[in-house]
């Protein structure tokens, strides 16, 4: 889903009460490889930290071809805040089309 087609959000009460990860732009360049960017929205009801975004990339037969994770930027979010991420696959032969994203995080109870 492109950022431009991401549903219009009037307020965070309309979103599910969870940490949401959405892919945005995907691109491919023969020199730099494939790239996938997106956002993480914290609508869990509390601050979170140590946010990591995980991706599994599938081929046309739904066989996993790559998996990796990276920290979101920023890696700590208060309730209602948004972080971003960007995956780069230098040796991927084409744009990323079939993938699964998920997040790992901790409740930020450090005060």
PDB file of N, CA and C in Angstrom:
ATOM      1  N   UNK A   1       0.842  -1.171   0.000  1.00  0.00           N
ATOM      2  CA  UNK A   1       0.000   0.000   0.000  1.00  0.00           C
ATOM      3  C   UNK A   1       0.890   1.237   0.000  1.00  0.00           C
ATOM      4  N   UNK A   2       0.667   2.123  -0.923  1.00  0.00           N
ATOM      5  CA  UNK A   2       1.414   3.373  -0.981  1.00  0.00           C
ATOM      6  C   UNK A   2       0.973   4.298   0.152  1.00  0.00           C
ATOM      7  N   UNK A   3       1.871   5.166   0.569  1.00  0.00           N
ATOM      8  CA  UNK A   3       1.534   6.148   1.589  1.00  0.00           C
ATOM      9  C   UNK A   3       0.351   6.990   1.121  1.00  0.00           C
ATOM     10  N   UNK A   4       0.278   7.312  -0.176  1.00  0.00           N
ATOM     11  CA  UNK A   4      -0.805   8.133  -0.708  1.00  0.00           C
ATOM     12  C   UNK A   4      -2.158   7.448  -0.577  1.00  0.00           C
ATOM     13  N   UNK A   5      -2.199   6.110  -0.601  1.00  0.00           N
ATOM     14  CA  UNK A   5      -3.465   5.394  -0.502  1.00  0.00           C
ATOM     15  C   UNK A   5      -3.753   4.915   0.914  1.00  0.00           C
ATOM     16  N   UNK A   6      -2.881   5.279   1.862  1.00  0.00           N
ATOM     17  CA  UNK A   6      -3.116   4.917   3.255  1.00  0.00           C
ATOM     18  C   UNK A   6      -4.407   5.602   3.692  1.00  0.00           C
ATOM     19  N   UNK A   7      -5.277   4.868   4.393  1.00  0.00           N
ATOM     20  CA  UNK A   7      -6.580   5.454   4.755  1.00  0.00           C
ATOM     21  C   UNK A   7      -6.419   6.763   5.526  1.00  0.00           C
ATOM     22  N   UNK A   8      -7.292   7.690   5.232  1.00  0.00           N
ATOM     23  CA  UNK A   8      -7.267   8.968   5.934  1.00  0.00           C
ATOM     24  C   UNK A   8      -7.668   8.722   7.387  1.00  0.00           C
ATOM     25  N   UNK A   9      -6.887   9.257   8.297  1.00  0.00           N
ATOM     26  CA  UNK A   9      -7.120   9.025   9.717  1.00  0.00           C
ATOM     27  C   UNK A   9      -7.539  10.340  10.358  1.00  0.00           C
ATOM     28  N   UNK A  10      -8.779  10.385  10.838  1.00  0.00           N
ATOM     29  CA  UNK A  10      -9.242  11.594  11.518  1.00  0.00           C
ATOM     30  C   UNK A  10      -8.718  11.623  12.948  1.00  0.00           C
ATOM     31  N   UNK A  11      -8.683  10.475  13.593  1.00  0.00           N
ATOM     32  CA  UNK A  11      -8.120  10.376  14.939  1.00  0.00           C
ATOM     33  C   UNK A  11      -7.737   8.925  15.201  1.00  0.00           C
ATOM     34  N   UNK A  12      -6.910   8.730  16.218  1.00  0.00           N
ATOM     35  CA  UNK A  12      -6.390   7.396  16.483  1.00  0.00           C
ATOM     36  C   UNK A  12      -7.427   6.461  17.093  1.00  0.00           C
ATOM     37  N   UNK A  13      -8.587   6.969  17.543  1.00  0.00           N
ATOM     38  CA  UNK A  13      -9.613   6.086  18.081  1.00  0.00           C
ATOM     39  C   UNK A  13     -10.191   5.168  17.009  1.00  0.00           C
ATOM     40  N   UNK A  14     -10.081   5.542  15.746  1.00  0.00           N
ATOM     41  CA  UNK A  14     -10.616   4.715  14.663  1.00  0.00           C
ATOM     42  C   UNK A  14      -9.678   3.575  14.276  1.00  0.00           C
ATOM     43  N   UNK A  15      -8.441   3.619  14.734  1.00  0.00           N
ATOM     44  CA  UNK A  15      -7.479   2.552  14.443  1.00  0.00           C
ATOM     45  C   UNK A  15      -7.602   1.451  15.485  1.00  0.00           C
ATOM     46  N   UNK A  16      -7.216   0.218  15.136  1.00  0.00           N
ATOM     47  CA  UNK A  16      -7.201  -0.846  16.146  1.00  0.00           C
ATOM     48  C   UNK A  16      -6.214  -0.520  17.261  1.00  0.00           C
ATOM     49  N   UNK A  17      -6.491  -0.964  18.454  1.00  0.00           N
ATOM     50  CA  UNK A  17      -5.658  -0.674  19.627  1.00  0.00           C
ATOM     51  C   UNK A  17      -4.459  -1.614  19.601  1.00  0.00           C
ATOM     52  N   UNK A  18      -3.473  -1.315  18.766  1.00  0.00           N
ATOM     53  CA  UNK A  18      -2.283  -2.139  18.609  1.00  0.00           C
ATOM     54  C   UNK A  18      -1.180  -1.325  17.948  1.00  0.00           C
ATOM     55  N   UNK A  19      -0.020  -1.918  17.829  1.00  0.00           N
ATOM     56  CA  UNK A  19       1.076  -1.308  17.079  1.00  0.00           C
ATOM     57  C   UNK A  19       0.900  -1.751  15.633  1.00  0.00           C
ATOM     58  N   UNK A  20       0.784  -0.784  14.739  1.00  0.00           N
ATOM     59  CA  UNK A  20       0.464  -1.055  13.339  1.00  0.00           C
ATOM     60  C   UNK A  20       1.701  -0.818  12.485  1.00  0.00           C
ATOM     61  N   UNK A  21       1.987  -1.751  11.582  1.00  0.00           N
ATOM     62  CA  UNK A  21       3.101  -1.584  10.639  1.00  0.00           C
ATOM     63  C   UNK A  21       2.520  -1.626   9.226  1.00  0.00           C
ATOM     64  N   UNK A  22       2.865  -0.618   8.423  1.00  0.00           N
ATOM     65  CA  UNK A  22       2.369  -0.519   7.053  1.00  0.00           C
ATOM     66  C   UNK A  22       3.522  -0.233   6.110  1.00  0.00           C
ATOM     67  N   UNK A  23       3.546  -0.962   5.012  1.00  0.00           N
ATOM     68  CA  UNK A  23       4.545  -0.696   3.975  1.00  0.00           C
ATOM     69  C   UNK A  23       4.062   0.465   3.131  1.00  0.00           C
ATOM     70  N   UNK A  24       4.989   1.215   2.625  1.00  0.00           N
ATOM     71  CA  UNK A  24       4.663   2.336   1.753  1.00  0.00           C
ATOM     72  C   UNK A  24       5.269   2.120   0.393  1.00  0.00           C
ATOM     73  N   UNK A  25       6.283   2.866   0.087  1.00  0.00           N
ATOM     74  CA  UNK A  25       6.900   2.842  -1.230  1.00  0.00           C
ATOM     75  C   UNK A  25       7.851   1.662  -1.391  1.00  0.00           C
ATOM     76  N   UNK A  26       7.782   1.019  -2.542  1.00  0.00           N
ATOM     77  CA  UNK A  26       8.767   0.009  -2.923  1.00  0.00           C
ATOM     78  C   UNK A  26       9.458   0.519  -4.184  1.00  0.00           C
ATOM     79  N   UNK A  27      10.727   0.196  -4.312  1.00  0.00           N
ATOM     80  CA  UNK A  27      11.463   0.632  -5.495  1.00  0.00           C
ATOM     81  C   UNK A  27      12.524  -0.404  -5.842  1.00  0.00           C
ATOM     82  N   UNK A  28      13.021  -0.300  -7.072  1.00  0.00           N
ATOM     83  CA  UNK A  28      14.085  -1.190  -7.520  1.00  0.00           C
ATOM     84  C   UNK A  28      15.009  -0.420  -8.450  1.00  0.00           C
ATOM     85  N   UNK A  29      16.290  -0.626  -8.248  1.00  0.00           N
ATOM     86  CA  UNK A  29      17.318  -0.050  -9.106  1.00  0.00           C
ATOM     87  C   UNK A  29      18.346  -1.154  -9.335  1.00  0.00           C
ATOM     88  N   UNK A  30      18.770  -1.364 -10.577  1.00  0.00           N
ATOM     89  CA  UNK A  30      19.699  -2.458 -10.881  1.00  0.00           C
ATOM     90  C   UNK A  30      21.027  -2.321 -10.147  1.00  0.00           C
ATOM     91  N   UNK A  31      21.430  -1.110  -9.806  1.00  0.00           N
ATOM     92  CA  UNK A  31      22.699  -0.913  -9.101  1.00  0.00           C
ATOM     93  C   UNK A  31      22.559  -1.059  -7.589  1.00  0.00           C
ATOM     94  N   UNK A  32      21.464  -0.539  -7.029  1.00  0.00           N
ATOM     95  CA  UNK A  32      21.327  -0.563  -5.566  1.00  0.00           C
ATOM     96  C   UNK A  32      20.377  -1.636  -5.054  1.00  0.00           C
ATOM     97  N   UNK A  33      19.628  -2.316  -5.914  1.00  0.00           N
ATOM     98  CA  UNK A  33      18.750  -3.397  -5.502  1.00  0.00           C
ATOM     99  C   UNK A  33      17.345  -2.936  -5.159  1.00  0.00           C
ATOM    100  N   UNK A  34      16.661  -3.747  -4.361  1.00  0.00           N
ATOM    101  CA  UNK A  34      15.271  -3.473  -3.990  1.00  0.00           C
ATOM    102  C   UNK A  34      15.210  -2.736  -2.663  1.00  0.00           C
ATOM    103  N   UNK A  35      14.161  -1.930  -2.519  1.00  0.00           N
ATOM    104  CA  UNK A  35      13.976  -1.148  -1.294  1.00  0.00           C
ATOM    105  C   UNK A  35      12.493  -1.104  -0.949  1.00  0.00           C
ATOM    106  N   UNK A  36      12.184  -1.226   0.347  1.00  0.00           N
ATOM    107  CA  UNK A  36      10.814  -1.122   0.831  1.00  0.00           C
ATOM    108  C   UNK A  36      10.807  -0.218   2.049  1.00  0.00           C
ATOM    109  N   UNK A  37       9.958   0.804   2.028  1.00  0.00           N
ATOM    110  CA  UNK A  37       9.858   1.764   3.119  1.00  0.00           C
ATOM    111  C   UNK A  37       8.455   1.720   3.696  1.00  0.00           C
ATOM    112  N   UNK A  38       8.321   2.139   4.950  1.00  0.00           N
ATOM    113  CA  UNK A  38       7.006   2.169   5.559  1.00  0.00           C
ATOM    114  C   UNK A  38       6.998   2.874   6.896  1.00  0.00           C
ATOM    115  N   UNK A  39       5.888   2.709   7.607  1.00  0.00           N
ATOM    116  CA  UNK A  39       5.722   3.377   8.890  1.00  0.00           C
ATOM    117  C   UNK A  39       5.230   2.406   9.961  1.00  0.00           C
ATOM    118  N   UNK A  40       5.478   2.782  11.212  1.00  0.00           N
ATOM    119  CA  UNK A  40       4.975   2.079  12.382  1.00  0.00           C
ATOM    120  C   UNK A  40       4.166   3.103  13.176  1.00  0.00           C
ATOM    121  N   UNK A  41       2.920   2.765  13.514  1.00  0.00           N
ATOM    122  CA  UNK A  41       2.055   3.646  14.293  1.00  0.00           C
ATOM    123  C   UNK A  41       1.825   3.003  15.650  1.00  0.00           C
ATOM    124  N   UNK A  42       2.110   3.741  16.718  1.00  0.00           N
ATOM    125  CA  UNK A  42       1.857   3.226  18.061  1.00  0.00           C
ATOM    126  C   UNK A  42       0.463   3.639  18.511  1.00  0.00           C
ATOM    127  N   UNK A  43      -0.484   2.720  18.442  1.00  0.00           N
ATOM    128  CA  UNK A  43      -1.827   2.958  18.953  1.00  0.00           C
ATOM    129  C   UNK A  43      -2.152   1.914  20.020  1.00  0.00           C
ATOM    130  N   UNK A  44      -1.134   1.514  20.778  1.00  0.00           N
ATOM    131  CA  UNK A  44      -1.298   0.466  21.788  1.00  0.00           C
ATOM    132  C   UNK A  44      -1.893   0.977  23.092  1.00  0.00           C
ATOM    133  N   UNK A  45      -1.891   2.283  23.285  1.00  0.00           N
ATOM    134  CA  UNK A  45      -2.429   2.847  24.512  1.00  0.00           C
ATOM    135  C   UNK A  45      -1.366   3.212  25.529  1.00  0.00           C
ATOM    136  N   UNK A  46      -0.100   2.938  25.218  1.00  0.00           N
ATOM    137  CA  UNK A  46       1.000   3.267  26.119  1.00  0.00           C
ATOM    138  C   UNK A  46       2.272   3.465  25.304  1.00  0.00           C
ATOM    139  N   UNK A  47       3.272   4.054  25.909  1.00  0.00           N
ATOM    140  CA  UNK A  47       4.549   4.260  25.222  1.00  0.00           C
ATOM    141  C   UNK A  47       5.249   2.917  25.014  1.00  0.00           C
ATOM    142  N   UNK A  48       5.975   2.803  23.898  1.00  0.00           N
ATOM    143  CA  UNK A  48       6.719   1.574  23.607  1.00  0.00           C
ATOM    144  C   UNK A  48       8.158   1.934  23.257  1.00  0.00           C
ATOM    145  N   UNK A  49       9.043   0.933  23.354  1.00  0.00           N
ATOM    146  CA  UNK A  49      10.465   1.129  23.046  1.00  0.00           C
ATOM    147  C   UNK A  49      11.017  -0.134  22.403  1.00  0.00           C
ATOM    148  N   UNK A  50      12.264  -0.061  21.989  1.00  0.00           N
ATOM    149  CA  UNK A  50      12.955  -1.198  21.348  1.00  0.00           C
ATOM    150  C   UNK A  50      12.116  -1.768  20.203  1.00  0.00           C
ATOM    151  N   UNK A  51      11.656  -0.897  19.327  1.00  0.00           N
ATOM    152  CA  UNK A  51      10.791  -1.299  18.211  1.00  0.00           C
ATOM    153  C   UNK A  51      11.648  -1.832  17.071  1.00  0.00           C
ATOM    154  N   UNK A  52      11.367  -3.054  16.667  1.00  0.00           N
ATOM    155  CA  UNK A  52      12.022  -3.665  15.514  1.00  0.00           C
ATOM    156  C   UNK A  52      10.967  -4.065  14.497  1.00  0.00           C
ATOM    157  N   UNK A  53      11.253  -3.811  13.221  1.00  0.00           N
ATOM    158  CA  UNK A  53      10.378  -4.212  12.136  1.00  0.00           C
ATOM    159  C   UNK A  53      11.030  -5.415  11.460  1.00  0.00           C
ATOM    160  N   UNK A  54      10.253  -6.469  11.272  1.00  0.00           N
ATOM    161  CA  UNK A  54      10.727  -7.707  10.645  1.00  0.00           C
ATOM    162  C   UNK A  54      10.047  -7.865   9.292  1.00  0.00           C
ATOM    163  N   UNK A  55      10.785  -8.404   8.334  1.00  0.00           N
ATOM    164  CA  UNK A  55      10.220  -8.660   7.009  1.00  0.00           C
ATOM    165  C   UNK A  55      10.616 -10.058   6.546  1.00  0.00           C
ATOM    166  N   UNK A  56       9.669 -10.728   5.901  1.00  0.00           N
ATOM    167  CA  UNK A  56       9.914 -11.987   5.207  1.00  0.00           C
ATOM    168  C   UNK A  56       9.494 -11.746   3.763  1.00  0.00           C
ATOM    169  N   UNK A  57      10.409 -11.962   2.825  1.00  0.00           N
ATOM    170  CA  UNK A  57      10.137 -11.754   1.406  1.00  0.00           C
ATOM    171  C   UNK A  57       9.918 -13.119   0.752  1.00  0.00           C
ATOM    172  N   UNK A  58       8.822 -13.228  -0.018  1.00  0.00           N
ATOM    173  CA  UNK A  58       8.466 -14.483  -0.679  1.00  0.00           C
ATOM    174  C   UNK A  58       8.688 -14.389  -2.185  1.00  0.00           C
ATOM    175  N   UNK A  59       8.929 -15.545  -2.822  1.00  0.00           N
ATOM    176  CA  UNK A  59       8.998 -15.573  -4.277  1.00  0.00           C
ATOM    177  C   UNK A  59       7.601 -15.834  -4.830  1.00  0.00           C
ATOM    178  N   UNK A  60       7.498 -16.040  -6.138  1.00  0.00           N
ATOM    179  CA  UNK A  60       6.190 -16.230  -6.767  1.00  0.00           C
ATOM    180  C   UNK A  60       5.493 -17.525  -6.348  1.00  0.00           C
ATOM    181  N   UNK A  61       6.235 -18.472  -5.755  1.00  0.00           N
ATOM    182  CA  UNK A  61       5.646 -19.727  -5.266  1.00  0.00           C
ATOM    183  C   UNK A  61       5.388 -19.693  -3.763  1.00  0.00           C
ATOM    184  N   UNK A  62       5.457 -18.499  -3.164  1.00  0.00           N
ATOM    185  CA  UNK A  62       5.240 -18.298  -1.724  1.00  0.00           C
ATOM    186  C   UNK A  62       6.302 -18.970  -0.856  1.00  0.00           C
ATOM    187  N   UNK A  63       7.501 -19.149  -1.403  1.00  0.00           N
ATOM    188  CA  UNK A  63       8.621 -19.700  -0.649  1.00  0.00           C
ATOM    189  C   UNK A  63       9.443 -18.533  -0.122  1.00  0.00           C
ATOM    190  N   UNK A  64       9.732 -18.511   1.188  1.00  0.00           N
ATOM    191  CA  UNK A  64      10.529 -17.401   1.730  1.00  0.00           C
ATOM    192  C   UNK A  64      11.908 -17.330   1.068  1.00  0.00           C
ATOM    193  N   UNK A  65      12.281 -16.140   0.626  1.00  0.00           N
ATOM    194  CA  UNK A  65      13.566 -15.933  -0.030  1.00  0.00           C
ATOM    195  C   UNK A  65      14.531 -15.119   0.822  1.00  0.00           C
ATOM    196  N   UNK A  66      13.998 -14.307   1.708  1.00  0.00           N
ATOM    197  CA  UNK A  66      14.842 -13.474   2.570  1.00  0.00           C
ATOM    198  C   UNK A  66      14.047 -13.095   3.807  1.00  0.00           C
ATOM    199  N   UNK A  67      14.756 -12.923   4.899  1.00  0.00           N
ATOM    200  CA  UNK A  67      14.139 -12.370   6.103  1.00  0.00           C
ATOM    201  C   UNK A  67      15.196 -11.623   6.883  1.00  0.00           C
ATOM    202  N   UNK A  68      14.778 -10.522   7.467  1.00  0.00           N
ATOM    203  CA  UNK A  68      15.674  -9.691   8.244  1.00  0.00           C
ATOM    204  C   UNK A  68      14.849  -8.778   9.130  1.00  0.00           C
ATOM    205  N   UNK A  69      15.527  -8.060  10.006  1.00  0.00           N
ATOM    206  CA  UNK A  69      14.835  -7.072  10.837  1.00  0.00           C
ATOM    207  C   UNK A  69      15.750  -5.875  11.027  1.00  0.00           C
ATOM    208  N   UNK A  70      15.160  -4.757  11.400  1.00  0.00           N
ATOM    209  CA  UNK A  70      15.913  -3.553  11.692  1.00  0.00           C
ATOM    210  C   UNK A  70      15.124  -2.696  12.667  1.00  0.00           C
ATOM    211  N   UNK A  71      15.816  -1.825  13.397  1.00  0.00           N
ATOM    212  CA  UNK A  71      15.094  -0.957  14.335  1.00  0.00           C
ATOM    213  C   UNK A  71      14.338   0.133  13.576  1.00  0.00           C
ATOM    214  N   UNK A  72      13.152   0.472  14.084  1.00  0.00           N
ATOM    215  CA  UNK A  72      12.404   1.601  13.528  1.00  0.00           C
ATOM    216  C   UNK A  72      13.109   2.886  13.941  1.00  0.00           C
ATOM    217  N   UNK A  73      12.841   3.952  13.230  1.00  0.00           N
ATOM    218  CA  UNK A  73      13.462   5.239  13.529  1.00  0.00           C
ATOM    219  C   UNK A  73      12.390   6.259  13.841  1.00  0.00           C
ATOM    220  N   UNK A  74      12.203   6.709  15.027  1.00  0.00           N
ATOM    221  CA  UNK A  74      12.940   6.394  16.253  1.00  0.00           C
ATOM    222  C   UNK A  74      12.501   5.040  16.816  1.00  0.00           C
ATOM    223  N   UNK A  75      13.301   4.476  17.702  1.00  0.00           N
ATOM    224  CA  UNK A  75      13.002   3.151  18.241  1.00  0.00           C
ATOM    225  C   UNK A  75      12.144   3.198  19.500  1.00  0.00           C
ATOM    226  N   UNK A  76      11.741   4.386  19.930  1.00  0.00           N
ATOM    227  CA  UNK A  76      10.817   4.558  21.056  1.00  0.00           C
ATOM    228  C   UNK A  76       9.705   5.503  20.621  1.00  0.00           C
ATOM    229  N   UNK A  77       8.462   5.159  20.977  1.00  0.00           N
ATOM    230  CA  UNK A  77       7.330   5.981  20.564  1.00  0.00           C
ATOM    231  C   UNK A  77       6.341   6.181  21.701  1.00  0.00           C
ATOM    232  N   UNK A  78       5.895   7.405  21.920  1.00  0.00           N
ATOM    233  CA  UNK A  78       4.771   7.605  22.829  1.00  0.00           C
ATOM    234  C   UNK A  78       3.475   7.173  22.125  1.00  0.00           C
ATOM    235  N   UNK A  79       2.403   7.049  22.870  1.00  0.00           N
ATOM    236  CA  UNK A  79       1.105   6.716  22.280  1.00  0.00           C
ATOM    237  C   UNK A  79       0.764   7.733  21.180  1.00  0.00           C
ATOM    238  N   UNK A  80       0.350   7.222  20.013  1.00  0.00           N
ATOM    239  CA  UNK A  80      -0.068   8.077  18.907  1.00  0.00           C
ATOM    240  C   UNK A  80       1.044   8.536  17.988  1.00  0.00           C
ATOM    241  N   UNK A  81       2.276   8.180  18.263  1.00  0.00           N
ATOM    242  CA  UNK A  81       3.398   8.633  17.441  1.00  0.00           C
ATOM    243  C   UNK A  81       3.670   7.662  16.284  1.00  0.00           C
ATOM    244  N   UNK A  82       4.432   8.146  15.314  1.00  0.00           N
ATOM    245  CA  UNK A  82       4.745   7.374  14.111  1.00  0.00           C
ATOM    246  C   UNK A  82       6.252   7.308  13.915  1.00  0.00           C
ATOM    247  N   UNK A  83       6.754   6.116  13.585  1.00  0.00           N
ATOM    248  CA  UNK A  83       8.161   5.902  13.245  1.00  0.00           C
ATOM    249  C   UNK A  83       8.230   5.445  11.790  1.00  0.00           C
ATOM    250  N   UNK A  84       9.425   5.395  11.237  1.00  0.00           N
ATOM    251  CA  UNK A  84       9.578   4.912   9.864  1.00  0.00           C
ATOM    252  C   UNK A  84      10.661   3.844   9.802  1.00  0.00           C
ATOM    253  N   UNK A  85      10.695   3.139   8.680  1.00  0.00           N
ATOM    254  CA  UNK A  85      11.722   2.126   8.446  1.00  0.00           C
ATOM    255  C   UNK A  85      11.995   2.035   6.955  1.00  0.00           C
ATOM    256  N   UNK A  86      13.154   1.474   6.612  1.00  0.00           N
ATOM    257  CA  UNK A  86      13.531   1.311   5.218  1.00  0.00           C
ATOM    258  C   UNK A  86      14.415   0.075   5.077  1.00  0.00           C
ATOM    259  N   UNK A  87      13.918  -0.938   4.375  1.00  0.00           N
ATOM    260  CA  UNK A  87      14.691  -2.150   4.101  1.00  0.00           C
ATOM    261  C   UNK A  87      15.353  -2.026   2.737  1.00  0.00           C
ATOM    262  N   UNK A  88      16.606  -2.458   2.648  1.00  0.00           N
ATOM    263  CA  UNK A  88      17.328  -2.482   1.380  1.00  0.00           C
ATOM    264  C   UNK A  88      17.885  -3.875   1.155  1.00  0.00           C
ATOM    265  N   UNK A  89      17.622  -4.424  -0.022  1.00  0.00           N
ATOM    266  CA  UNK A  89      18.121  -5.744  -0.410  1.00  0.00           C
ATOM    267  C   UNK A  89      18.967  -5.556  -1.657  1.00  0.00           C
ATOM    268  N   UNK A  90      20.274  -5.455  -1.464  1.00  0.00           N
ATOM    269  CA  UNK A  90      21.185  -5.144  -2.567  1.00  0.00           C
ATOM    270  C   UNK A  90      21.230  -6.223  -3.642  1.00  0.00           C
ATOM    271  N   UNK A  91      21.057  -7.491  -3.270  1.00  0.00           N
ATOM    272  CA  UNK A  91      21.160  -8.587  -4.240  1.00  0.00           C
ATOM    273  C   UNK A  91      19.809  -9.099  -4.711  1.00  0.00           C
ATOM    274  N   UNK A  92      18.739  -8.406  -4.399  1.00  0.00           N
ATOM    275  CA  UNK A  92      17.413  -8.842  -4.832  1.00  0.00           C
ATOM    276  C   UNK A  92      17.234  -8.477  -6.308  1.00  0.00           C
ATOM    277  N   UNK A  93      16.810  -9.428  -7.158  1.00  0.00           N
ATOM    278  CA  UNK A  93      16.799  -9.196  -8.605  1.00  0.00           C
ATOM    279  C   UNK A  93      15.658  -8.327  -9.132  1.00  0.00           C
ATOM    280  N   UNK A  94      14.638  -8.040  -8.298  1.00  0.00           N
ATOM    281  CA  UNK A  94      13.503  -7.231  -8.772  1.00  0.00           C
ATOM    282  C   UNK A  94      12.849  -6.539  -7.579  1.00  0.00           C
ATOM    283  N   UNK A  95      11.838  -5.726  -7.849  1.00  0.00           N
ATOM    284  CA  UNK A  95      11.125  -5.031  -6.777  1.00  0.00           C
ATOM    285  C   UNK A  95      10.441  -6.044  -5.860  1.00  0.00           C
ATOM    286  N   UNK A  96      10.336  -5.714  -4.597  1.00  0.00           N
ATOM    287  CA  UNK A  96       9.694  -6.596  -3.619  1.00  0.00           C
ATOM    288  C   UNK A  96       8.186  -6.510  -3.815  1.00  0.00           C
ATOM    289  N   UNK A  97       7.569  -7.657  -4.098  1.00  0.00           N
ATOM    290  CA  UNK A  97       6.136  -7.677  -4.365  1.00  0.00           C
ATOM    291  C   UNK A  97       5.352  -8.426  -3.298  1.00  0.00           C
ATOM    292  N   UNK A  98       5.876  -9.551  -2.834  1.00  0.00           N
ATOM    293  CA  UNK A  98       5.163 -10.378  -1.869  1.00  0.00           C
ATOM    294  C   UNK A  98       5.994 -10.465  -0.591  1.00  0.00           C
ATOM    295  N   UNK A  99       5.443  -9.987   0.511  1.00  0.00           N
ATOM    296  CA  UNK A  99       6.195  -9.928   1.757  1.00  0.00           C
ATOM    297  C   UNK A  99       5.237  -9.941   2.938  1.00  0.00           C
ATOM    298  N   UNK A 100       5.801 -10.171   4.110  1.00  0.00           N
ATOM    299  CA  UNK A 100       5.043 -10.106   5.367  1.00  0.00           C
ATOM    300  C   UNK A 100       5.843  -9.253   6.341  1.00  0.00           C
ATOM    301  N   UNK A 101       5.197  -8.260   6.940  1.00  0.00           N
ATOM    302  CA  UNK A 101       5.820  -7.384   7.923  1.00  0.00           C
ATOM    303  C   UNK A 101       5.209  -7.628   9.299  1.00  0.00           C
ATOM    304  N   UNK A 102       6.028  -7.549  10.333  1.00  0.00           N
ATOM    305  CA  UNK A 102       5.532  -7.577  11.701  1.00  0.00           C
ATOM    306  C   UNK A 102       6.528  -6.860  12.590  1.00  0.00           C
ATOM    307  N   UNK A 103       6.081  -6.500  13.815  1.00  0.00           N
ATOM    308  CA  UNK A 103       6.934  -5.747  14.725  1.00  0.00           C
ATOM    309  C   UNK A 103       7.140  -6.485  16.031  1.00  0.00           C
ATOM    310  N   UNK A 104       8.259  -6.208  16.652  1.00  0.00           N
ATOM    311  CA  UNK A 104       8.558  -6.612  18.030  1.00  0.00           C
ATOM    312  C   UNK A 104       8.827  -5.325  18.793  1.00  0.00           C
ATOM    313  N   UNK A 105       8.372  -5.245  20.035  1.00  0.00           N
ATOM    314  CA  UNK A 105       8.564  -4.051  20.840  1.00  0.00           C
ATOM    315  C   UNK A 105       8.338  -4.389  22.308  1.00  0.00           C
ATOM    316  N   UNK A 106       8.697  -3.437  23.180  1.00  0.00           N
ATOM    317  CA  UNK A 106       8.485  -3.569  24.626  1.00  0.00           C
ATOM    318  C   UNK A 106       7.703  -2.372  25.125  1.00  0.00           C
ATOM    319  N   UNK A 107       6.957  -2.567  26.181  1.00  0.00           N
ATOM    320  CA  UNK A 107       6.299  -1.442  26.840  1.00  0.00           C
ATOM    321  C   UNK A 107       7.383  -0.580  27.477  1.00  0.00           C
ATOM    322  N   UNK A 108       7.285   0.719  27.291  1.00  0.00           N
ATOM    323  CA  UNK A 108       8.273   1.639  27.854  1.00  0.00           C
ATOM    324  C   UNK A 108       7.863   1.999  29.278  1.00  0.00           C
ATOM    325  N   UNK A 109       8.364   1.230  30.230  1.00  0.00           N
ATOM    326  CA  UNK A 109       8.033   1.447  31.629  1.00  0.00           C
ATOM    327  C   UNK A 109       9.198   2.105  32.381  1.00  0.00           C
ATOM    328  N   UNK A 110      10.129   2.678  31.647  1.00  0.00           N
ATOM    329  CA  UNK A 110      11.287   3.335  32.259  1.00  0.00           C
ATOM    330  C   UNK A 110      10.981   4.809  32.490  1.00  0.00           C
ATOM    331  N   UNK A 111      10.736   5.179  33.722  1.00  0.00           N
ATOM    332  CA  UNK A 111      10.477   6.588  34.047  1.00  0.00           C
ATOM    333  C   UNK A 111      11.434   7.082  35.079  1.00  0.00           C
TER     334      UNK A 111
END
